[in-house]
C-alpha atoms as a PDB file:
ATOM      1  CA  UNK A   1      25.552   2.249 -10.945  1.00  0.00           C
ATOM      2  CA  UNK A   2      28.559   4.760 -12.204  1.00  0.00           C
ATOM      3  CA  UNK A   3      31.522   3.161 -13.582  1.00  0.00           C
ATOM      4  CA  UNK A   4      33.424   4.720 -10.463  1.00  0.00           C
ATOM      5  CA  UNK A   5      31.195   3.548  -7.750  1.00  0.00           C
ATOM      6  CA  UNK A   6      32.464  -0.877  -9.049  1.00  0.00           C
ATOM      7  CA  UNK A   7      35.310  -0.305  -6.363  1.00  0.00           C
ATOM      8  CA  UNK A   8      32.688   0.775  -3.272  1.00  0.00           C
ATOM      9  CA  UNK A   9      31.893  -1.583  -0.039  1.00  0.00           C
ATOM     10  CA  UNK A  10      28.638  -4.003  -1.116  1.00  0.00           C
ATOM     11  CA  UNK A  11      26.669  -1.634   1.943  1.00  0.00           C
ATOM     12  CA  UNK A  12      27.534   1.646  -0.674  1.00  0.00           C
ATOM     13  CA  UNK A  13      27.281  -0.515  -3.741  1.00  0.00           C
ATOM     14  CA  UNK A  14      23.508  -2.134  -2.589  1.00  0.00           C
ATOM     15  CA  UNK A  15      22.893   2.460  -1.602  1.00  0.00           C
ATOM     16  CA  UNK A  16      23.158   2.571  -5.509  1.00  0.00           C
ATOM     17  CA  UNK A  17      21.428  -0.435  -6.249  1.00  0.00           C
ATOM     18  CA  UNK A  18      18.392   0.975  -4.183  1.00  0.00           C
ATOM     19  CA  UNK A  19      18.067   4.239  -5.108  1.00  0.00           C
ATOM     20  CA  UNK A  20      18.908   3.207  -8.830  1.00  0.00           C
ATOM     21  CA  UNK A  21      16.052   1.167  -8.147  1.00  0.00           C
ATOM     22  CA  UNK A  22      13.887   3.449  -7.042  1.00  0.00           C
ATOM     23  CA  UNK A  23      14.421   6.012  -9.645  1.00  0.00           C
ATOM     24  CA  UNK A  24      12.908   3.752 -12.271  1.00  0.00           C
ATOM     25  CA  UNK A  25       9.936   2.436  -9.558  1.00  0.00           C
ATOM     26  CA  UNK A  26       9.171   5.734  -9.659  1.00  0.00           C
ATOM     27  CA  UNK A  27       8.798   6.690 -13.285  1.00  0.00           C
ATOM     28  CA  UNK A  28       6.541   3.002 -13.612  1.00  0.00           C
ATOM     29  CA  UNK A  29       4.209   4.478 -10.588  1.00  0.00           C
ATOM     30  CA  UNK A  30       1.132   5.865 -12.623  1.00  0.00           C
ATOM     31  CA  UNK A  31       0.099   9.507 -11.450  1.00  0.00           C
ATOM     32  CA  UNK A  32      -3.335   8.679 -12.284  1.00  0.00           C
ATOM     33  CA  UNK A  33      -3.333   5.771  -9.190  1.00  0.00           C
ATOM     34  CA  UNK A  34      -1.865   8.592  -7.282  1.00  0.00           C
ATOM     35  CA  UNK A  35      -3.989  11.436  -7.451  1.00  0.00           C
ATOM     36  CA  UNK A  36      -7.061   8.699  -6.798  1.00  0.00           C
ATOM     37  CA  UNK A  37      -5.303   8.293  -3.394  1.00  0.00           C
ATOM     38  CA  UNK A  38      -4.254  11.107  -2.979  1.00  0.00           C
ATOM     39  CA  UNK A  39      -7.914  12.509  -3.279  1.00  0.00           C
ATOM     40  CA  UNK A  40      -9.561  10.162  -1.510  1.00  0.00           C
ATOM     41  CA  UNK A  41      -7.564  11.044   1.404  1.00  0.00           C
ATOM     42  CA  UNK A  42      -7.711  14.469   1.406  1.00  0.00           C
ATOM     43  CA  UNK A  43     -11.859  14.028   0.993  1.00  0.00           C
ATOM     44  CA  UNK A  44     -11.868  11.835   3.975  1.00  0.00           C
ATOM     45  CA  UNK A  45      -9.662  14.049   6.123  1.00  0.00           C
ATOM     46  CA  UNK A  46     -12.100  17.441   4.750  1.00  0.00           C
ATOM     47  CA  UNK A  47     -15.633  15.715   5.534  1.00  0.00           C
ATOM     48  CA  UNK A  48     -14.998  12.346   7.691  1.00  0.00           C
ATOM     49  CA  UNK A  49     -12.957  13.869  10.753  1.00  0.00           C
ATOM     50  CA  UNK A  50     -14.245  10.659  13.084  1.00  0.00           C
ATOM     51  CA  UNK A  51     -13.817   8.826  10.468  1.00  0.00           C
ATOM     52  CA  UNK A  52     -10.210   6.223  10.257  1.00  0.00           C
ATOM     53  CA  UNK A  53      -7.660   5.042   8.741  1.00  0.00           C
ATOM     54  CA  UNK A  54      -6.209   1.523   9.288  1.00  0.00           C
ATOM     55  CA  UNK A  55      -3.088   0.507   7.788  1.00  0.00           C
ATOM     56  CA  UNK A  56      -1.950  -2.828   7.281  1.00  0.00           C
ATOM     57  CA  UNK A  57       1.096  -5.052   6.337  1.00  0.00           C
ATOM     58  CA  UNK A  58       3.052  -7.720   7.517  1.00  0.00           C
ATOM     59  CA  UNK A  59       6.709  -8.381   8.164  1.00  0.00           C
ATOM     60  CA  UNK A  60       8.722  -5.688   6.916  1.00  0.00           C
ATOM     61  CA  UNK A  61       5.458  -4.448   4.647  1.00  0.00           C
ATOM     62  CA  UNK A  62       4.074  -3.966   8.408  1.00  0.00           C
ATOM     63  CA  UNK A  63       6.881  -1.519   9.597  1.00  0.00           C
ATOM     64  CA  UNK A  64       6.779   0.574   6.250  1.00  0.00           C
ATOM     65  CA  UNK A  65       2.906   0.486   7.833  1.00  0.00           C
ATOM     66  CA  UNK A  66       3.685   1.868  10.646  1.00  0.00           C
ATOM     67  CA  UNK A  67       5.826   4.981   9.858  1.00  0.00           C
ATOM     68  CA  UNK A  68       2.819   5.853   7.232  1.00  0.00           C
ATOM     69  CA  UNK A  69       0.613   5.384  10.029  1.00  0.00           C
ATOM     70  CA  UNK A  70       2.446   8.138  12.351  1.00  0.00           C
ATOM     71  CA  UNK A  71       2.859  10.192   9.597  1.00  0.00           C
ATOM     72  CA  UNK A  72      -1.489  10.260   9.240  1.00  0.00           C
ATOM     73  CA  UNK A  73      -1.653  11.156  12.708  1.00  0.00           C
ATOM     74  CA  UNK A  74       0.197  13.925  13.301  1.00  0.00           C
ATOM     75  CA  UNK A  75      -1.831  15.449   9.779  1.00  0.00           C
ATOM     76  CA  UNK A  76      -4.322  15.120  11.969  1.00  0.00           C
ATOM     77  CA  UNK A  77      -6.055  11.671  10.936  1.00  0.00           C
ATOM     78  CA  UNK A  78      -7.315   8.911  13.285  1.00  0.00           C
ATOM     79  CA  UNK A  79      -4.849   6.466  12.310  1.00  0.00           C
ATOM     80  CA  UNK A  80      -4.793   2.976  14.014  1.00  0.00           C
ATOM     81  CA  UNK A  81      -2.165  -0.398  12.458  1.00  0.00           C
ATOM     82  CA  UNK A  82      -3.274  -3.577  11.866  1.00  0.00           C
ATOM     83  CA  UNK A  83      -2.094  -6.063  15.301  1.00  0.00           C
ATOM     84  CA  UNK A  84      -1.773  -3.349  17.710  1.00  0.00           C
ATOM     85  CA  UNK A  85      -3.749  -3.229  21.420  1.00  0.00           C
ATOM     86  CA  UNK A  86      -6.014  -0.059  20.677  1.00  0.00           C
ATOM     87  CA  UNK A  87      -7.511  -0.746  16.809  1.00  0.00           C
ATOM     88  CA  UNK A  88     -11.246   0.599  17.246  1.00  0.00           C
ATOM     89  CA  UNK A  89     -13.930  -1.225  14.421  1.00  0.00           C
ATOM     90  CA  UNK A  90     -13.643  -0.400  11.164  1.00  0.00           C
ATOM     91  CA  UNK A  91     -16.893   0.781   9.303  1.00  0.00           C
ATOM     92  CA  UNK A  92     -18.113   2.875   6.016  1.00  0.00           C
ATOM     93  CA  UNK A  93     -17.111   5.772   6.861  1.00  0.00           C
ATOM     94  CA  UNK A  94     -13.352   4.369   7.330  1.00  0.00           C
ATOM     95  CA  UNK A  95     -10.521   3.495   5.039  1.00  0.00           C
ATOM     96  CA  UNK A  96      -8.266   0.321   5.215  1.00  0.00           C
ATOM     97  CA  UNK A  97      -4.461   0.858   3.376  1.00  0.00           C
ATOM     98  CA  UNK A  98      -3.453  -2.472   3.032  1.00  0.00           C
ATOM     99  CA  UNK A  99       0.368  -2.934   2.097  1.00  0.00           C
ATOM    100  CA  UNK A 100       1.496  -6.759  -0.214  1.00  0.00           C
ATOM    101  CA  UNK A 101       4.066  -6.573  -2.643  1.00  0.00           C
ATOM    102  CA  UNK A 102       2.306  -9.728  -3.546  1.00  0.00           C
ATOM    103  CA  UNK A 103      -0.933  -9.025  -2.564  1.00  0.00           C
ATOM    104  CA  UNK A 104      -1.793 -12.345  -1.656  1.00  0.00           C
ATOM    105  CA  UNK A 105       0.066 -12.379   1.619  1.00  0.00           C
ATOM    106  CA  UNK A 106      -2.833 -14.596   3.798  1.00  0.00           C
ATOM    107  CA  UNK A 107      -3.089 -12.218   6.665  1.00  0.00           C
ATOM    108  CA  UNK A 108      -3.091  -8.859   4.840  1.00  0.00           C
ATOM    109  CA  UNK A 109      -6.033 -10.038   1.986  1.00  0.00           C
ATOM    110  CA  UNK A 110      -7.953 -11.953   4.967  1.00  0.00           C
ATOM    111  CA  UNK A 111      -8.395  -8.548   6.575  1.00  0.00           C
ATOM    112  CA  UNK A 112      -8.695  -6.082   3.798  1.00  0.00           C
ATOM    113  CA  UNK A 113     -11.345  -9.231   2.898  1.00  0.00           C
ATOM    114  CA  UNK A 114     -12.943  -8.146   5.649  1.00  0.00           C
ATOM    115  CA  UNK A 115     -12.583  -4.598   6.188  1.00  0.00           C
ATOM    116  CA  UNK A 116     -14.384  -4.870   2.429  1.00  0.00           C
ATOM    117  CA  UNK A 117     -17.346  -6.936   4.155  1.00  0.00           C
ATOM    118  CA  UNK A 118     -17.239  -3.796   6.728  1.00  0.00           C
ATOM    119  CA  UNK A 119     -17.822  -1.585   3.917  1.00  0.00           C
ATOM    120  CA  UNK A 120     -14.863   0.262   4.495  1.00  0.00           C
ATOM    121  CA  UNK A 121     -13.253   1.834   1.552  1.00  0.00           C
ATOM    122  CA  UNK A 122      -9.743  -0.754   0.719  1.00  0.00           C
ATOM    123  CA  UNK A 123      -6.189   1.481  -0.631  1.00  0.00           C
ATOM    124  CA  UNK A 124      -4.042  -1.308  -1.732  1.00  0.00           C
ATOM    125  CA  UNK A 125      -0.059  -0.516  -2.400  1.00  0.00           C
ATOM    126  CA  UNK A 126       0.960  -3.804  -4.475  1.00  0.00           C
ATOM    127  CA  UNK A 127       2.954  -4.380  -7.435  1.00  0.00           C
ATOM    128  CA  UNK A 128       0.589  -7.012  -8.997  1.00  0.00           C
ATOM    129  CA  UNK A 129      -3.002  -5.316  -9.658  1.00  0.00           C
ATOM    130  CA  UNK A 130      -4.639  -8.772 -10.657  1.00  0.00           C
ATOM    131  CA  UNK A 131      -3.238 -10.192  -7.038  1.00  0.00           C
ATOM    132  CA  UNK A 132      -5.954 -11.080  -5.011  1.00  0.00           C
ATOM    133  CA  UNK A 133      -5.845  -7.822  -2.577  1.00  0.00           C
ATOM    134  CA  UNK A 134      -5.826  -5.873  -6.115  1.00  0.00           C
ATOM    135  CA  UNK A 135      -8.774  -7.615  -7.169  1.00  0.00           C
ATOM    136  CA  UNK A 136     -10.687  -6.381  -3.824  1.00  0.00           C
ATOM    137  CA  UNK A 137      -9.319  -3.095  -3.445  1.00  0.00           C
ATOM    138  CA  UNK A 138     -11.295   0.224  -4.308  1.00  0.00           C
ATOM    139  CA  UNK A 139      -8.187   1.746  -5.270  1.00  0.00           C
ATOM    140  CA  UNK A 140      -4.807  -0.266  -6.477  1.00  0.00           C
ATOM    141  CA  UNK A 141      -1.174   1.835  -6.550  1.00  0.00           C
ATOM    142  CA  UNK A 142       0.648  -0.239  -8.350  1.00  0.00           C
ATOM    143  CA  UNK A 143       4.544  -0.237  -6.520  1.00  0.00           C
ATOM    144  CA  UNK A 144       6.921  -1.918  -8.864  1.00  0.00           C
ATOM    145  CA  UNK A 145       9.326  -4.209  -6.728  1.00  0.00           C
ATOM    146  CA  UNK A 146      10.724  -7.521  -6.082  1.00  0.00           C
ATOM    147  CA  UNK A 147       9.074 -10.041  -3.948  1.00  0.00           C
ATOM    148  CA  UNK A 148      10.375 -12.620  -1.870  1.00  0.00           C
ATOM    149  CA  UNK A 149       7.898 -15.032  -3.251  1.00  0.00           C
ATOM    150  CA  UNK A 150       8.046 -16.387  -6.854  1.00  0.00           C
ATOM    151  CA  UNK A 151      11.486 -16.227  -9.352  1.00  0.00           C
ATOM    152  CA  UNK A 152       8.631 -15.472 -11.469  1.00  0.00           C
ATOM    153  CA  UNK A 153       7.992 -12.120  -9.967  1.00  0.00           C
ATOM    154  CA  UNK A 154      12.078 -11.421  -9.063  1.00  0.00           C
ATOM    155  CA  UNK A 155      12.219 -12.079 -13.135  1.00  0.00           C
ATOM    156  CA  UNK A 156       9.356  -9.377 -14.142  1.00  0.00           C
ATOM    157  CA  UNK A 157      11.038  -7.178 -11.130  1.00  0.00           C
ATOM    158  CA  UNK A 158      14.318  -7.092 -13.788  1.00  0.00           C
ATOM    159  CA  UNK A 159      12.921  -6.477 -16.949  1.00  0.00           C
ATOM    160  CA  UNK A 160      10.563  -3.801 -16.390  1.00  0.00           C
ATOM    161  CA  UNK A 161      13.316  -1.813 -14.521  1.00  0.00           C
ATOM    162  CA  UNK A 162      15.993  -3.005 -16.023  1.00  0.00           C
ATOM    163  CA  UNK A 163      18.118  -4.263 -13.309  1.00  0.00           C
ATOM    164  CA  UNK A 164      20.565  -7.276 -12.530  1.00  0.00           C
ATOM    165  CA  UNK A 165      20.187  -9.470 -10.052  1.00  0.00           C
ATOM    166  CA  UNK A 166      20.198  -7.095  -6.756  1.00  0.00           C
ATOM    167  CA  UNK A 167      22.156  -7.255  -3.756  1.00  0.00           C
ATOM    168  CA  UNK A 168      18.985  -6.238  -1.489  1.00  0.00           C
ATOM    169  CA  UNK A 169      17.362  -9.408  -0.793  1.00  0.00           C
ATOM    170  CA  UNK A 170      13.735 -10.795  -0.560  1.00  0.00           C
ATOM    171  CA  UNK A 171      11.364  -8.064  -0.367  1.00  0.00           C
ATOM    172  CA  UNK A 172      13.569  -5.417   0.278  1.00  0.00           C
ATOM    173  CA  UNK A 173      13.150  -3.544  -2.990  1.00  0.00           C
ATOM    174  CA  UNK A 174       9.525  -3.454  -2.878  1.00  0.00           C
ATOM    175  CA  UNK A 175       9.365  -2.278   1.227  1.00  0.00           C
ATOM    176  CA  UNK A 176      12.418   0.718   0.522  1.00  0.00           C
ATOM    177  CA  UNK A 177      10.344   1.853  -2.907  1.00  0.00           C
ATOM    178  CA  UNK A 178       6.794   1.606  -0.698  1.00  0.00           C
ATOM    179  CA  UNK A 179       8.257   3.683   2.217  1.00  0.00           C
ATOM    180  CA  UNK A 180       9.709   6.125  -0.710  1.00  0.00           C
ATOM    181  CA  UNK A 181       5.923   6.444  -1.674  1.00  0.00           C
ATOM    182  CA  UNK A 182       4.295   7.123   1.292  1.00  0.00           C
ATOM    183  CA  UNK A 183       6.364   9.589   1.870  1.00  0.00           C
ATOM    184  CA  UNK A 184       6.022  11.397  -0.706  1.00  0.00           C
ATOM    185  CA  UNK A 185       1.898  11.038  -0.358  1.00  0.00           C
ATOM    186  CA  UNK A 186       2.911  12.557   3.035  1.00  0.00           C
ATOM    187  CA  UNK A 187       4.339  15.923   1.460  1.00  0.00           C
ATOM    188  CA  UNK A 188       1.527  16.087  -1.190  1.00  0.00           C
ATOM    189  CA  UNK A 189      -1.082  15.990   1.887  1.00  0.00           C
ATOM    190  CA  UNK A 190       1.329  18.227   3.635  1.00  0.00           C
ATOM    191  CA  UNK A 191       0.370  20.658   1.127  1.00  0.00           C
ATOM    192  CA  UNK A 192      -3.211  20.182  -0.215  1.00  0.00           C
ATOM    193  CA  UNK A 193      -4.420  19.679   3.811  1.00  0.00           C
ATOM    194  CA  UNK A 194      -2.460  23.333   4.724  1.00  0.00           C
ATOM    195  CA  UNK A 195      -0.431  21.885   7.017  1.00  0.00           C
ATOM    196  CA  UNK A 196       3.461  22.698   7.871  1.00  0.00           C
ATOM    197  CA  UNK A 197       5.934  20.954   9.645  1.00  0.00           C
ATOM    198  CA  UNK A 198       5.193  23.042  12.671  1.00  0.00           C
ATOM    199  CA  UNK A 199       1.734  21.804  12.592  1.00  0.00           C
ATOM    200  CA  UNK A 200       3.930  18.108  12.833  1.00  0.00           C
ATOM    201  CA  UNK A 201       5.526  19.137  15.080  1.00  0.00           C
ATOM    202  CA  UNK A 202       2.730  20.442  17.773  1.00  0.00           C
ATOM    203  CA  UNK A 203       1.231  17.055  16.925  1.00  0.00           C
ATOM    204  CA  UNK A 204       3.975  14.449  17.954  1.00  0.00           C
ATOM    205  CA  UNK A 205       4.422  12.537  20.582  1.00  0.00           C
ATOM    206  CA  UNK A 206       5.597  15.087  23.863  1.00  0.00           C
ATOM    207  CA  UNK A 207       6.455  12.027  26.037  1.00  0.00           C
ATOM    208  CA  UNK A 208       9.160   9.562  24.510  1.00  0.00           C
ATOM    209  CA  UNK A 209      11.746   7.378  26.225  1.00  0.00           C
END
């Protein structure tokens, strides 16, 4: 944070805190992991147009997942969100995108295990490759972030990213970083699928309150 911002209101200081965290996190995310995720989604679009993508996350990670699922829909994917009323069966031609900072949120791990048994491909977005979720996933993207579960994990995030105790509580840093990361995925998919903003606009809901 710039020294001139020290006297800013806490709200604005927090924006600096979160922004700096996201920039450092971007430097740690492995490009090869991103490429694997993008290639999987591009090939899926081109070869399995009738396939389904199920996005899932608990709590605020679920809200991040919903935003990503909406953009996938705009890009032309058959995307769904776990927990919604309309969710079709998932099978071997499908992809599950599971979001969990700790990689051990029981609901998400259990759902991912069920999807794995149904032969769906699992893409895990987590801070811990060796977590239960990471171990069952076909593709793992490690997104650094402070989680709400353990002081050990908080210490890891602070040491690796070089930050002091952040103003953002619990899992905020993972959730915000994942939101920006998935927006980046959407941007790359737009280019690789040859989609324009107008294409996305035409796929956007035209009946809204």
